[in-house]
Amino acid sequence: MTDPKNAEHTEAMKALQAERRELMRSKTEERGLLIVNTGDGKGKSTAGFGMVARALGWGQKVGIVQYIKGKWITGERQFFAKFPDQVRYEVMGEGFTWDTQDRARDVAAAEAAWATSLEMIADPALDLVLLDELNIALRYDYLDIEAVVAGLVARPEGKHVCVTGRNAKPELLAAADLVTEMTLVKHPFEQGVKAQRGIDF
């Protein structure tokens, strides 16, 4: 005897499948995307590095510029160093602004990082470019937002660029193809737990 609930489920899924196939037939464009991961919640850089891993899985080449973390030894940096033929990884930040306490130095570091970013964006060998914590440099006006948006918008047609960091500026959000805002619900730091290897860095 056929379970009526199972039969009902099967019919509902058939209808959903037909609907999804029809929807997918209308999606024919393929081009490079400008992706922004922002918000107060954890996971912005993590999501960006997840995309890097996904690209490597398809044999693609990736450029990474880290704007803020400075010379920190991070898990992602150590891991992606294992892919020298596929990943160009540039750590160009001077560290957190409250540690450097030197605006001129921070601006110079951001400008050098942006020049490297533009070089990677223009490089036809790279499929994806991750600009980690660029939003922080923009938040403090270390870089001109109009110039940055213009550079991102002018990227080659097939080039994907992912920008991370909280407080993404409205101009960048308007130019982006995909924006994800990480929402903070609960964080262990608020409970006295320090940043930990493999989870936070």
Foldseek 3Di string as FASTA:
>chain_A
DDDPVVVVVVVVVVVVVVVVVVVVVVPDDAWAFEEEEAADAPDFVVVVLVVVVVCVVVVAAEEEEELAQAPDDAPSVVVCVVPVVRYHYHYQYNHDCVVVVDLVVSLVSLVVSVVVQLVQLADPRHQEYEYEANQVCVVVPSDDPVVSLVSVLPGPTRHYYYYYYYPRDPVSVVSGPYYDYHYDDDDCVVVVDDDDGPPRD
